[in-house]
Amino acid sequence: MLKFIKHNLDHISGIEIYPIIALLIFFFFFLGLYIWVFTYKKEKINQLSNLPFEEGTQNSKNE
């Protein structure tokens, strides 16, 4: 099955750039995500992780 797909893609000019672009998008997205995660403030992470355990912080729309 792959040879049928590869045969059709051989005739398209400029098609070889798309896998490189996809790899670069993938790489830079996860590099940015990695940098964002490791530079996030520890105090904010602790505040967000304790949010479900806090009492009396329900949304006023439901009351």
N, C-alpha and C. Protein backbone atom coordinates (compact mmCIF):
# COMPACT_ATOMS: atom_id res chain seq x y z
N MET A 1 0.83 -1.19 0.00
CA MET A 1 0.00 0.00 0.00
C MET A 1 0.87 1.25 0.00
N LEU A 2 1.97 1.23 0.70
CA LEU A 2 2.83 2.40 0.78
C LEU A 2 3.42 2.76 -0.57
N LYS A 3 3.69 1.75 -1.41
CA LYS A 3 4.27 2.07 -2.71
C LYS A 3 3.28 2.81 -3.61
N PHE A 4 1.98 2.59 -3.42
CA PHE A 4 0.99 3.33 -4.19
C PHE A 4 0.97 4.80 -3.79
N ILE A 5 1.07 5.05 -2.51
CA ILE A 5 1.09 6.42 -2.02
C ILE A 5 2.39 7.10 -2.43
N LYS A 6 3.49 6.40 -2.25
CA LYS A 6 4.79 6.97 -2.59
C LYS A 6 4.89 7.28 -4.08
N HIS A 7 4.33 6.42 -4.90
CA HIS A 7 4.35 6.63 -6.35
C HIS A 7 3.61 7.91 -6.72
N ASN A 8 2.47 8.17 -6.08
CA ASN A 8 1.71 9.38 -6.38
C ASN A 8 2.42 10.63 -5.87
N LEU A 9 3.10 10.53 -4.75
CA LEU A 9 3.77 11.69 -4.18
C LEU A 9 5.06 12.02 -4.91
N ASP A 10 5.63 11.09 -5.64
CA ASP A 10 6.86 11.36 -6.38
C ASP A 10 6.66 12.38 -7.50
N HIS A 11 5.47 12.51 -7.99
CA HIS A 11 5.20 13.38 -9.12
C HIS A 11 4.82 14.81 -8.73
N ILE A 12 4.71 15.07 -7.43
CA ILE A 12 4.35 16.41 -6.96
C ILE A 12 5.64 17.16 -6.67
N SER A 13 5.83 18.27 -7.32
CA SER A 13 7.05 19.04 -7.09
C SER A 13 6.94 19.85 -5.80
N GLY A 14 8.00 19.89 -5.04
CA GLY A 14 8.04 20.64 -3.80
C GLY A 14 7.43 19.94 -2.61
N ILE A 15 7.07 18.68 -2.75
CA ILE A 15 6.40 17.96 -1.67
C ILE A 15 7.35 17.60 -0.53
N GLU A 16 8.66 17.59 -0.81
CA GLU A 16 9.61 17.15 0.20
C GLU A 16 9.78 18.16 1.34
N ILE A 17 9.30 19.36 1.20
CA ILE A 17 9.43 20.36 2.25
C ILE A 17 8.39 20.17 3.36
N TYR A 18 7.27 19.55 3.07
CA TYR A 18 6.20 19.42 4.05
C TYR A 18 6.56 18.56 5.26
N PRO A 19 7.23 17.44 5.11
CA PRO A 19 7.64 16.72 6.32
C PRO A 19 8.63 17.50 7.18
N ILE A 20 9.48 18.29 6.56
CA ILE A 20 10.44 19.10 7.32
C ILE A 20 9.69 20.18 8.09
N ILE A 21 8.73 20.82 7.46
CA ILE A 21 7.93 21.85 8.12
C ILE A 21 7.14 21.25 9.29
N ALA A 22 6.56 20.07 9.08
CA ALA A 22 5.80 19.41 10.14
C ALA A 22 6.70 19.05 11.31
N LEU A 23 7.90 18.58 11.04
CA LEU A 23 8.85 18.24 12.09
C LEU A 23 9.26 19.50 12.88
N LEU A 24 9.50 20.59 12.17
CA LEU A 24 9.89 21.83 12.85
C LEU A 24 8.77 22.38 13.71
N ILE A 25 7.53 22.32 13.23
CA ILE A 25 6.39 22.77 14.02
C ILE A 25 6.26 21.91 15.28
N PHE A 26 6.36 20.61 15.12
CA PHE A 26 6.28 19.68 16.24
C PHE A 26 7.40 19.97 17.25
N PHE A 27 8.62 20.13 16.77
CA PHE A 27 9.77 20.35 17.63
C PHE A 27 9.65 21.66 18.40
N PHE A 28 9.33 22.75 17.71
CA PHE A 28 9.25 24.04 18.38
C PHE A 28 8.06 24.15 19.32
N PHE A 29 6.96 23.48 19.01
CA PHE A 29 5.81 23.47 19.91
C PHE A 29 6.18 22.81 21.23
N PHE A 30 6.80 21.63 21.17
CA PHE A 30 7.14 20.93 22.39
C PHE A 30 8.33 21.55 23.10
N LEU A 31 9.21 22.20 22.40
CA LEU A 31 10.28 22.94 23.04
C LEU A 31 9.71 24.13 23.82
N GLY A 32 8.78 24.84 23.22
CA GLY A 32 8.12 25.94 23.91
C GLY A 32 7.32 25.47 25.11
N LEU A 33 6.64 24.35 24.97
CA LEU A 33 5.89 23.78 26.08
C LEU A 33 6.82 23.37 27.22
N TYR A 34 7.95 22.78 26.88
CA TYR A 34 8.95 22.38 27.87
C TYR A 34 9.48 23.59 28.63
N ILE A 35 9.80 24.64 27.91
CA ILE A 35 10.31 25.86 28.55
C ILE A 35 9.24 26.49 29.44
N TRP A 36 7.99 26.52 28.96
CA TRP A 36 6.91 27.10 29.73
C TRP A 36 6.68 26.33 31.04
N VAL A 37 6.73 25.01 30.98
CA VAL A 37 6.48 24.19 32.16
C VAL A 37 7.58 24.38 33.19
N PHE A 38 8.82 24.41 32.77
CA PHE A 38 9.90 24.50 33.73
C PHE A 38 10.20 25.93 34.20
N THR A 39 9.57 26.92 33.62
CA THR A 39 9.74 28.28 34.12
C THR A 39 8.50 28.77 34.86
N TYR A 40 7.49 27.92 34.98
CA TYR A 40 6.28 28.28 35.71
C TYR A 40 6.60 28.39 37.20
N LYS A 41 6.01 29.34 37.87
CA LYS A 41 6.32 29.58 39.28
C LYS A 41 5.75 28.47 40.17
N LYS A 42 6.57 28.00 41.07
CA LYS A 42 6.17 26.91 41.96
C LYS A 42 5.00 27.31 42.87
N GLU A 43 4.95 28.56 43.28
CA GLU A 43 3.85 29.02 44.13
C GLU A 43 2.51 28.92 43.39
N LYS A 44 2.52 29.28 42.11
CA LYS A 44 1.29 29.22 41.31
C LYS A 44 0.85 27.77 41.11
N ILE A 45 1.81 26.87 40.90
CA ILE A 45 1.48 25.45 40.74
C ILE A 45 0.86 24.92 42.03
N ASN A 46 1.43 25.27 43.18
CA ASN A 46 0.87 24.82 44.46
C ASN A 46 -0.52 25.39 44.69
N GLN A 47 -0.73 26.65 44.31
CA GLN A 47 -2.05 27.27 44.46
C GLN A 47 -3.08 26.55 43.58
N LEU A 48 -2.72 26.26 42.34
CA LEU A 48 -3.66 25.58 41.44
C LEU A 48 -3.91 24.14 41.86
N SER A 49 -2.90 23.48 42.42
CA SER A 49 -3.08 22.08 42.82
C SER A 49 -3.96 21.96 44.07
N ASN A 50 -3.99 22.99 44.91
CA ASN A 50 -4.82 22.96 46.11
C ASN A 50 -6.21 23.54 45.88
N LEU A 51 -6.49 24.03 44.72
CA LEU A 51 -7.78 24.65 44.42
C LEU A 51 -8.98 23.71 44.64
N PRO A 52 -8.91 22.43 44.26
CA PRO A 52 -10.08 21.57 44.49
C PRO A 52 -10.37 21.30 45.97
N PHE A 53 -9.38 21.50 46.84
CA PHE A 53 -9.56 21.20 48.26
C PHE A 53 -10.05 22.38 49.08
N GLU A 54 -10.10 23.56 48.49
CA GLU A 54 -10.54 24.74 49.22
C GLU A 54 -12.06 24.76 49.32
N GLU A 55 -12.57 25.16 50.49
CA GLU A 55 -14.01 25.21 50.71
C GLU A 55 -14.52 26.64 50.53
N GLY A 56 -15.77 26.77 50.14
CA GLY A 56 -16.39 28.07 50.04
C GLY A 56 -15.98 28.87 48.81
N THR A 57 -15.52 28.23 47.78
CA THR A 57 -15.10 28.95 46.58
C THR A 57 -15.96 28.55 45.38
N GLN A 58 -17.22 28.20 45.65
CA GLN A 58 -18.09 27.80 44.55
C GLN A 58 -18.51 29.01 43.74
N ASN A 59 -18.85 28.75 42.50
CA ASN A 59 -19.29 29.80 41.59
C ASN A 59 -20.66 30.31 42.02
N SER A 60 -20.87 31.61 42.02
CA SER A 60 -22.14 32.18 42.49
C SER A 60 -23.27 32.00 41.47
N LYS A 61 -23.00 31.57 40.26
CA LYS A 61 -24.05 31.38 39.26
C LYS A 61 -24.95 30.21 39.62
N ASN A 62 -24.41 29.20 40.31
CA ASN A 62 -25.18 28.00 40.63
C ASN A 62 -26.06 28.20 41.86
N GLU A 63 -25.89 29.25 42.61
CA GLU A 63 -26.65 29.44 43.84
C GLU A 63 -27.93 30.20 43.63
